Amino acid sequence: MSNFQQALALAAHSLTLSNPNPRVGCVVVDADGRTLGEGFTQQRGGPHAEIMALRDAASRGEDVIGSTVYVTLEPCAHHGRTPPCCDALIAARVSKVCIALRDPNPLVAGQGIARLQAAGIAVEMAPAEVEAEAREINIGFMQRMEQGVPWVRLKTASSLDGMSALANGESQWITGDTARDDVQHWRARACAVLTGSGTVVADDPLLNVRLPGATRQPHLVIVDSRLRTPPTARLFGVPDRKVWIVTVDRNTPGRDERRAALEAAGAEIITLDAGMDGRSDLRELMRELGRREVNEVHVEAGAILNGALLEAGLVDELLAYVAPMLLGPGRPLAELPQLQRLSDASRWGLHRMEAVGDDLRLQLRKRKTA
């Protein structure tokens, strides 16, 4: 394993840990390539990867003067919740820093590299393939910094003929235990899980992470234009997460009372302008989530909200679980407008495919247009 690959493997340990901070791994090696210290970014407010690696080297009794540092993201150069990592590397008197990916955060954006070079430390950028891997592990952070909106991953579970439930609504369970366990890992890496009030009313789901040893819960976002979410819903019983209910400004009977009850249950009500259909403006919702430091949104919703997100072009990735069964007439995974021409179809590229128990998991991404 190369030093960069070792650093990328360490960054993966931050996948469910460091949000909203990027997932970063760091390795410190001597002139012979021997590992002196390694680390990865901790929870929000905790040490970054470079600090963890320097501490690890110190705990081993290793001298890092003149060493080479491999890190998967440009060291930060600003005082945020922690001091600048580039200053720590300068103080440690390392001789070279190899960086997989430049940080697009305007507070960094080349300043970390400039600070290192000004201190006489050599800086080397990784090959393109390493840069691509580092970007992939931080795909949501990169998009939020570059575009102001999170990466939206929409999870579906359907039969071979594209049905998410029988016509009578029965859907438990189309996919098997292994696939449902697999979904937990995708929830865990997200900053927020997004659903609609229809799903909450119909299923009373928890939509939490139930992995053993889980250290954080993603925020829960409920799109609820009419404030239908019951204040007694089970989702309010999940500790250590924020519940954001997204609605529009409507003057309807009993609305103020419903709002007060939801706030008393622990929800924060986010009021957005209505879209053309009178419902919450989903584009503005994504911009609002970006402002709230949400990097990745994991969507588990019904056909109406799925269709609205897809039609608005807001889904970056489909996480589609396909079960080896045929249901016949039933409920689709998304309600989309009828097309008149095949050329108007929304087309997706296969990013990754994997068997998960008896089911198939497809990762599909938007095809870039010329």
Protein backbone atom coordinates (compact mmCIF):
# COMPACT_ATOMS: atom_id res chain seq x y z
CA MET A 1 0.00 0.00 0.00
CA SER A 2 1.39 3.40 -0.99
CA ASN A 3 1.57 6.24 1.51
CA PHE A 4 -1.30 8.00 -0.22
CA GLN A 5 -3.40 4.83 -0.18
CA GLN A 6 -2.64 4.48 3.52
CA ALA A 7 -3.83 8.06 4.07
CA LEU A 8 -6.99 7.44 2.05
CA ALA A 9 -7.73 4.31 4.09
CA LEU A 10 -7.40 6.43 7.24
CA ALA A 11 -9.73 9.07 5.79
CA ALA A 12 -12.39 6.38 5.44
CA HIS A 13 -12.46 6.13 9.24
CA SER A 14 -13.87 9.67 9.27
CA LEU A 15 -16.71 8.74 6.91
CA THR A 16 -19.37 8.62 9.62
CA LEU A 17 -17.48 10.70 12.18
CA SER A 18 -16.28 14.11 11.00
CA ASN A 19 -19.36 15.78 9.45
CA PRO A 20 -19.63 18.60 8.57
CA ASN A 21 -15.84 18.67 8.38
CA PRO A 22 -14.19 16.85 5.46
CA ARG A 23 -12.95 13.28 5.84
CA VAL A 24 -9.18 13.46 5.95
CA GLY A 25 -6.38 10.96 6.60
CA CYS A 26 -2.72 11.71 7.28
CA VAL A 27 0.49 9.66 7.42
CA VAL A 28 3.93 10.88 8.56
CA VAL A 29 6.93 8.91 7.26
CA ASP A 30 10.69 9.16 7.62
CA ALA A 31 13.30 9.19 4.84
CA ASP A 32 13.14 5.38 4.59
CA GLY A 33 9.35 5.40 4.23
CA ARG A 34 8.77 4.07 7.74
CA THR A 35 5.51 5.22 9.30
CA LEU A 36 6.10 7.56 12.24
CA GLY A 37 2.48 8.50 12.91
CA GLU A 38 -0.98 8.36 11.39
CA GLY A 39 -4.38 9.85 12.07
CA PHE A 40 -7.77 10.88 10.74
CA THR A 41 -10.12 13.78 11.42
CA GLN A 42 -12.24 13.43 14.54
CA GLN A 43 -15.71 14.69 15.41
CA ARG A 44 -16.69 18.31 14.88
CA GLY A 45 -14.53 20.49 17.09
CA GLY A 46 -11.98 17.71 17.55
CA PRO A 47 -8.45 17.41 16.13
CA HIS A 48 -7.88 17.20 12.39
CA ALA A 49 -5.95 14.39 10.72
CA GLU A 50 -2.58 16.17 10.75
CA ILE A 51 -2.78 16.84 14.49
CA MET A 52 -3.79 13.24 15.20
CA ALA A 53 -0.83 11.98 13.14
CA LEU A 54 1.65 14.25 14.93
CA ARG A 55 0.24 13.18 18.29
CA ASP A 56 0.50 9.54 17.26
CA ALA A 57 4.16 10.01 16.34
CA ALA A 58 4.82 11.68 19.69
CA SER A 59 3.10 8.82 21.54
CA ARG A 60 5.43 6.38 19.75
CA GLY A 61 8.45 8.46 20.71
CA GLU A 62 9.22 9.29 17.07
CA ASP A 63 11.02 12.44 15.93
CA VAL A 64 9.19 14.00 12.96
CA ILE A 65 11.77 16.70 12.13
CA GLY A 66 12.61 16.37 8.42
CA SER A 67 9.78 13.90 7.81
CA THR A 68 7.35 13.72 4.90
CA VAL A 69 3.62 14.11 5.46
CA TYR A 70 0.98 12.54 3.22
CA VAL A 71 -2.47 14.10 3.67
CA THR A 72 -5.66 13.66 1.64
CA LEU A 73 -6.73 17.33 1.76
CA GLU A 74 -4.84 20.61 1.82
CA PRO A 75 -4.01 21.49 5.46
CA CYS A 76 -6.28 24.23 6.78
CA ALA A 77 -4.88 27.74 7.19
CA HIS A 78 -7.57 29.40 9.30
CA HIS A 79 -8.74 29.47 12.89
CA GLY A 80 -12.09 27.69 13.01
CA ARG A 81 -13.09 25.30 15.78
CA THR A 82 -9.41 24.28 15.86
CA PRO A 83 -6.11 26.09 15.09
CA PRO A 84 -4.57 25.93 11.57
CA CYS A 85 -3.05 22.55 10.72
CA CYS A 86 -0.43 24.13 8.46
CA ASP A 87 0.94 25.99 11.50
CA ALA A 88 1.25 22.70 13.40
CA LEU A 89 3.19 21.14 10.50
CA ILE A 90 5.47 24.16 10.30
CA ALA A 91 6.10 24.03 14.05
CA ALA A 92 6.86 20.30 13.78
CA ARG A 93 9.60 21.13 11.21
CA VAL A 94 8.55 18.57 8.63
CA SER A 95 10.40 18.86 5.32
CA LYS A 96 7.72 17.95 2.79
CA VAL A 97 3.93 17.72 2.55
CA CYS A 98 2.29 15.63 -0.17
CA ILE A 99 -1.35 16.65 -0.73
CA ALA A 100 -4.02 14.63 -2.53
CA LEU A 101 -6.58 17.38 -3.03
CA ARG A 102 -6.76 21.17 -2.84
CA ASP A 103 -9.36 22.49 -0.39
CA PRO A 104 -12.03 24.62 -2.16
CA ASN A 105 -13.12 26.17 1.16
CA PRO A 106 -12.63 29.94 0.62
CA LEU A 107 -10.98 30.08 4.05
CA VAL A 108 -8.27 27.72 2.77
CA ALA A 109 -8.22 27.58 -1.07
CA GLY A 110 -4.47 27.48 -1.57
CA GLN A 111 -3.57 29.42 1.55
CA GLY A 112 -2.48 26.26 3.35
CA ILE A 113 -0.09 25.40 0.53
CA ALA A 114 1.21 28.98 0.39
CA ARG A 115 1.87 29.04 4.14
CA LEU A 116 3.81 25.77 3.99
CA GLN A 117 5.91 26.91 1.05
CA ALA A 118 6.61 30.28 2.68
CA ALA A 119 8.00 28.36 5.66
CA GLY A 120 10.42 26.47 3.38
CA ILE A 121 8.43 23.22 3.32
CA ALA A 122 8.26 21.46 -0.05
CA VAL A 123 4.76 20.76 -1.32
CA GLU A 124 3.89 18.05 -3.82
CA MET A 125 0.47 17.31 -5.28
CA ALA A 126 -0.75 13.76 -5.81
CA PRO A 127 -1.35 12.09 -9.19
CA ALA A 128 -4.77 12.56 -10.78
CA GLU A 129 -6.04 9.12 -9.75
CA VAL A 130 -5.26 9.79 -6.08
CA GLU A 131 -6.89 13.21 -6.33
CA ALA A 132 -10.03 11.54 -7.74
CA GLU A 133 -10.19 9.09 -4.81
CA ALA A 134 -9.75 11.91 -2.30
CA ARG A 135 -12.52 13.88 -3.99
CA GLU A 136 -14.83 10.86 -3.99
CA ILE A 137 -14.59 10.36 -0.24
CA ASN A 138 -15.47 14.07 0.23
CA ILE A 139 -17.96 14.35 -2.60
CA GLY A 140 -20.54 16.22 -0.52
CA PHE A 141 -18.08 18.61 1.12
CA MET A 142 -16.57 19.46 -2.26
CA GLN A 143 -19.97 20.14 -3.84
CA ARG A 144 -21.10 22.30 -0.92
CA MET A 145 -17.93 24.38 -1.07
CA GLU A 146 -18.01 24.73 -4.87
CA GLN A 147 -21.77 25.08 -5.49
CA GLY A 148 -23.31 25.91 -2.12
CA VAL A 149 -25.56 22.84 -2.07
CA PRO A 150 -25.14 19.33 -0.67
CA TRP A 151 -24.73 16.08 -2.59
CA VAL A 152 -28.17 14.46 -2.78
CA ARG A 153 -28.32 10.67 -2.71
CA LEU A 154 -31.77 9.17 -3.23
CA LYS A 155 -32.29 5.64 -1.92
CA THR A 156 -34.94 3.41 -3.47
CA ALA A 157 -35.96 -0.23 -3.04
CA SER A 158 -37.92 -1.85 -5.82
CA SER A 159 -38.78 -5.05 -7.61
CA LEU A 160 -37.36 -5.99 -10.99
CA ASP A 161 -40.36 -4.33 -12.62
CA GLY A 162 -39.77 -1.06 -10.76
CA MET A 163 -42.44 -1.27 -8.08
CA SER A 164 -41.74 0.01 -4.56
CA ALA A 165 -44.93 -1.46 -3.07
CA LEU A 166 -48.04 -3.38 -3.97
CA ALA A 167 -51.07 -1.43 -5.14
CA ASN A 168 -52.49 -1.64 -1.60
CA GLY A 169 -49.33 -0.06 -0.18
CA GLU A 170 -47.70 -3.18 1.29
CA SER A 171 -43.91 -2.88 0.98
CA GLN A 172 -42.39 -4.68 3.97
CA TRP A 173 -40.18 -6.13 2.89
CA ILE A 174 -39.21 -5.99 -0.77
CA THR A 175 -35.47 -6.21 -0.07
CA GLY A 176 -33.81 -8.60 2.36
CA ASP A 177 -32.18 -8.14 5.75
CA THR A 178 -28.70 -7.66 4.28
CA ALA A 179 -29.82 -4.81 2.03
CA ARG A 180 -31.68 -3.11 4.87
CA ASP A 181 -28.60 -3.38 7.08
CA ASP A 182 -26.52 -1.94 4.24
CA VAL A 183 -28.75 1.15 4.13
CA GLN A 184 -27.72 1.94 7.70
CA HIS A 185 -24.15 2.62 6.56
CA TRP A 186 -25.38 5.10 3.94
CA ARG A 187 -27.53 6.88 6.50
CA ALA A 188 -24.57 7.04 8.88
CA ARG A 189 -22.32 8.86 6.41
CA ALA A 190 -24.93 11.52 5.62
CA CYS A 191 -25.21 14.88 7.35
CA ALA A 192 -29.00 14.72 6.99
CA VAL A 193 -31.73 12.21 6.16
CA LEU A 194 -34.60 13.70 4.16
CA THR A 195 -38.16 12.42 3.93
CA GLY A 196 -41.68 13.67 3.37
CA SER A 197 -44.58 14.08 5.75
CA GLY A 198 -46.48 11.40 3.83
CA THR A 199 -43.88 8.80 4.80
CA VAL A 200 -43.95 9.97 8.43
CA VAL A 201 -47.76 9.81 8.62
CA ALA A 202 -48.03 6.44 6.86
CA ASP A 203 -45.12 4.55 8.47
CA ASP A 204 -44.14 6.43 11.67
CA PRO A 205 -40.46 5.63 10.96
CA LEU A 206 -37.46 6.42 13.17
CA LEU A 207 -35.11 7.07 10.21
CA ASN A 208 -32.12 6.89 12.53
CA VAL A 209 -28.78 5.10 12.42
CA ARG A 210 -28.93 1.81 14.28
CA LEU A 211 -25.38 0.59 13.75
CA PRO A 212 -23.56 -0.77 16.82
CA GLY A 213 -21.26 1.89 18.22
CA ALA A 214 -22.73 4.71 16.12
CA THR A 215 -21.34 7.99 17.51
CA ARG A 216 -23.61 10.48 15.76
CA GLN A 217 -27.07 10.75 14.26
CA PRO A 218 -27.63 12.68 11.04
CA HIS A 219 -30.14 15.51 11.18
CA LEU A 220 -33.66 14.66 10.00
CA VAL A 221 -35.35 16.89 7.41
CA ILE A 222 -39.08 16.51 6.82
CA VAL A 223 -40.70 18.25 3.86
CA ASP A 224 -44.12 19.12 5.22
CA SER A 225 -45.92 22.01 3.52
CA ARG A 226 -49.11 21.49 5.56
CA LEU A 227 -47.46 20.68 8.92
CA ARG A 228 -49.01 17.20 9.00
CA THR A 229 -46.18 15.62 11.02
CA PRO A 230 -47.67 14.29 14.29
CA PRO A 231 -45.97 15.74 17.40
CA THR A 232 -46.23 12.21 18.83
CA ALA A 233 -44.21 10.65 16.00
CA ARG A 234 -41.52 8.20 17.10
CA LEU A 235 -38.84 10.16 15.27
CA PHE A 236 -38.89 12.80 18.02
CA GLY A 237 -37.64 10.16 20.46
CA VAL A 238 -34.25 9.78 18.80
CA PRO A 239 -31.63 11.56 20.95
CA ASP A 240 -28.76 13.74 19.74
CA ARG A 241 -30.15 14.85 16.41
CA LYS A 242 -31.93 17.90 15.05
CA VAL A 243 -35.34 17.59 13.40
CA TRP A 244 -35.98 20.27 10.78
CA ILE A 245 -39.51 20.51 9.40
CA VAL A 246 -39.61 22.41 6.12
CA THR A 247 -42.86 24.17 5.30
CA VAL A 248 -44.34 27.17 3.50
CA ASP A 249 -46.11 30.23 4.83
CA ARG A 250 -49.82 29.43 4.77
CA ASN A 251 -52.70 30.91 6.70
CA THR A 252 -54.80 27.83 7.38
CA PRO A 253 -56.99 26.98 10.39
CA GLY A 254 -55.07 25.43 13.29
CA ARG A 255 -51.66 25.98 11.70
CA ASP A 256 -50.24 28.06 14.55
CA GLU A 257 -51.30 25.41 17.05
CA ARG A 258 -49.72 22.62 14.98
CA ARG A 259 -46.51 24.62 14.69
CA ALA A 260 -46.37 25.23 18.42
CA ALA A 261 -46.95 21.53 19.14
CA LEU A 262 -44.17 20.48 16.77
CA GLU A 263 -41.75 22.98 18.28
CA ALA A 264 -42.66 21.71 21.74
CA ALA A 265 -41.83 18.19 20.52
CA GLY A 266 -38.34 19.37 19.55
CA ALA A 267 -38.65 20.38 15.89
CA GLU A 268 -37.23 23.50 14.27
CA ILE A 269 -39.63 24.86 11.66
CA ILE A 270 -37.98 26.17 8.50
CA THR A 271 -40.33 28.30 6.41
CA LEU A 272 -39.43 28.66 2.74
CA ASP A 273 -41.13 30.31 -0.20
CA ALA A 274 -43.55 28.09 -2.07
CA GLY A 275 -42.67 26.72 -5.47
CA MET A 276 -44.90 26.83 -8.54
CA ASP A 277 -46.92 23.90 -7.16
CA GLY A 278 -47.58 25.64 -3.84
CA ARG A 279 -45.25 23.29 -1.98
CA SER A 280 -41.83 23.95 -0.49
CA ASP A 281 -39.27 25.18 -3.03
CA LEU A 282 -36.90 22.22 -3.10
CA ARG A 283 -34.11 24.17 -4.79
CA GLU A 284 -34.19 26.75 -2.02
CA LEU A 285 -34.28 23.89 0.50
CA MET A 286 -30.97 22.58 -0.84
CA ARG A 287 -29.43 26.04 -0.65
CA GLU A 288 -30.66 26.33 2.94
CA LEU A 289 -29.15 22.94 3.82
CA GLY A 290 -25.88 24.09 2.28
CA ARG A 291 -25.95 27.15 4.53
CA ARG A 292 -26.47 24.79 7.46
CA GLU A 293 -23.26 22.90 6.62
CA VAL A 294 -24.99 19.80 5.25
CA ASN A 295 -22.61 17.97 2.93
CA GLU A 296 -24.59 14.86 1.99
CA VAL A 297 -28.36 14.36 2.02
CA HIS A 298 -29.68 10.81 2.15
CA VAL A 299 -33.26 10.69 0.83
CA GLU A 300 -35.71 7.99 1.97
CA ALA A 301 -39.10 9.19 0.83
CA GLY A 302 -42.24 8.24 -1.04
CA ALA A 303 -42.96 8.39 -4.74
CA ILE A 304 -44.27 11.99 -4.71
CA LEU A 305 -41.20 13.59 -3.09
CA ASN A 306 -38.84 11.28 -5.01
CA GLY A 307 -40.46 12.40 -8.23
CA ALA A 308 -40.34 16.08 -7.30
CA LEU A 309 -36.62 15.89 -6.48
CA LEU A 310 -35.85 14.02 -9.70
CA GLU A 311 -37.97 16.30 -11.87
CA ALA A 312 -36.24 19.34 -10.35
CA GLY A 313 -32.84 17.86 -11.22
CA LEU A 314 -31.73 17.90 -7.58
CA VAL A 315 -30.65 14.26 -7.25
CA ASP A 316 -26.95 13.66 -7.81
CA GLU A 317 -26.93 9.93 -7.13
CA LEU A 318 -29.45 7.11 -7.09
CA LEU A 319 -28.84 4.35 -4.56
CA ALA A 320 -31.16 1.76 -6.02
CA TYR A 321 -31.71 -1.60 -4.32
CA VAL A 322 -33.33 -4.07 -6.71
CA ALA A 323 -34.95 -7.24 -5.37
CA PRO A 324 -35.21 -10.41 -7.51
CA MET A 325 -39.00 -10.42 -7.62
CA LEU A 326 -41.82 -9.30 -9.89
CA LEU A 327 -44.78 -7.50 -8.31
CA GLY A 328 -46.96 -6.59 -11.27
CA PRO A 329 -49.19 -3.52 -10.90
CA GLY A 330 -48.14 -1.54 -7.86
CA ARG A 331 -46.71 1.75 -6.66
CA PRO A 332 -43.75 3.21 -8.54
CA LEU A 333 -40.56 4.36 -6.84
CA ALA A 334 -41.13 7.89 -8.19
CA GLU A 335 -44.07 9.78 -9.65
CA LEU A 336 -42.79 11.41 -12.83
CA PRO A 337 -44.59 13.16 -15.69
CA GLN A 338 -45.47 11.09 -18.72
CA LEU A 339 -43.02 11.45 -21.60
CA GLN A 340 -43.94 11.61 -25.25
CA ARG A 341 -40.47 10.85 -26.61
CA LEU A 342 -37.86 8.39 -25.40
CA SER A 343 -35.19 10.99 -26.08
CA ASP A 344 -36.61 13.06 -23.20
CA ALA A 345 -35.89 10.34 -20.66
CA SER A 346 -33.65 11.13 -17.71
CA ARG A 347 -30.49 9.09 -18.23
CA TRP A 348 -28.07 7.88 -15.57
CA GLY A 349 -24.63 6.32 -15.65
CA LEU A 350 -23.67 3.27 -13.61
CA HIS A 351 -21.09 4.26 -11.01
CA ARG A 352 -20.94 1.02 -9.06
CA MET A 353 -22.87 -2.24 -8.79
CA GLU A 354 -22.72 -4.80 -6.00
CA ALA A 355 -24.69 -7.80 -4.78
CA VAL A 356 -26.03 -7.24 -1.26
CA GLY A 357 -27.41 -10.53 -0.02
CA ASP A 358 -29.98 -11.65 -2.57
CA ASP A 359 -30.50 -8.10 -3.82
CA LEU A 360 -28.54 -5.83 -6.12
CA ARG A 361 -27.34 -2.35 -5.15
CA LEU A 362 -26.87 0.07 -8.02
CA GLN A 363 -25.15 3.44 -7.64
CA LEU A 364 -26.19 5.61 -10.55
CA ARG A 365 -25.10 9.17 -11.22
CA LYS A 366 -26.29 11.88 -13.53
CA ARG A 367 -24.81 11.70 -16.97
CA LYS A 368 -22.97 14.88 -17.75
CA THR A 369 -24.33 16.73 -20.73
CA ALA A 370 -22.04 18.26 -23.32
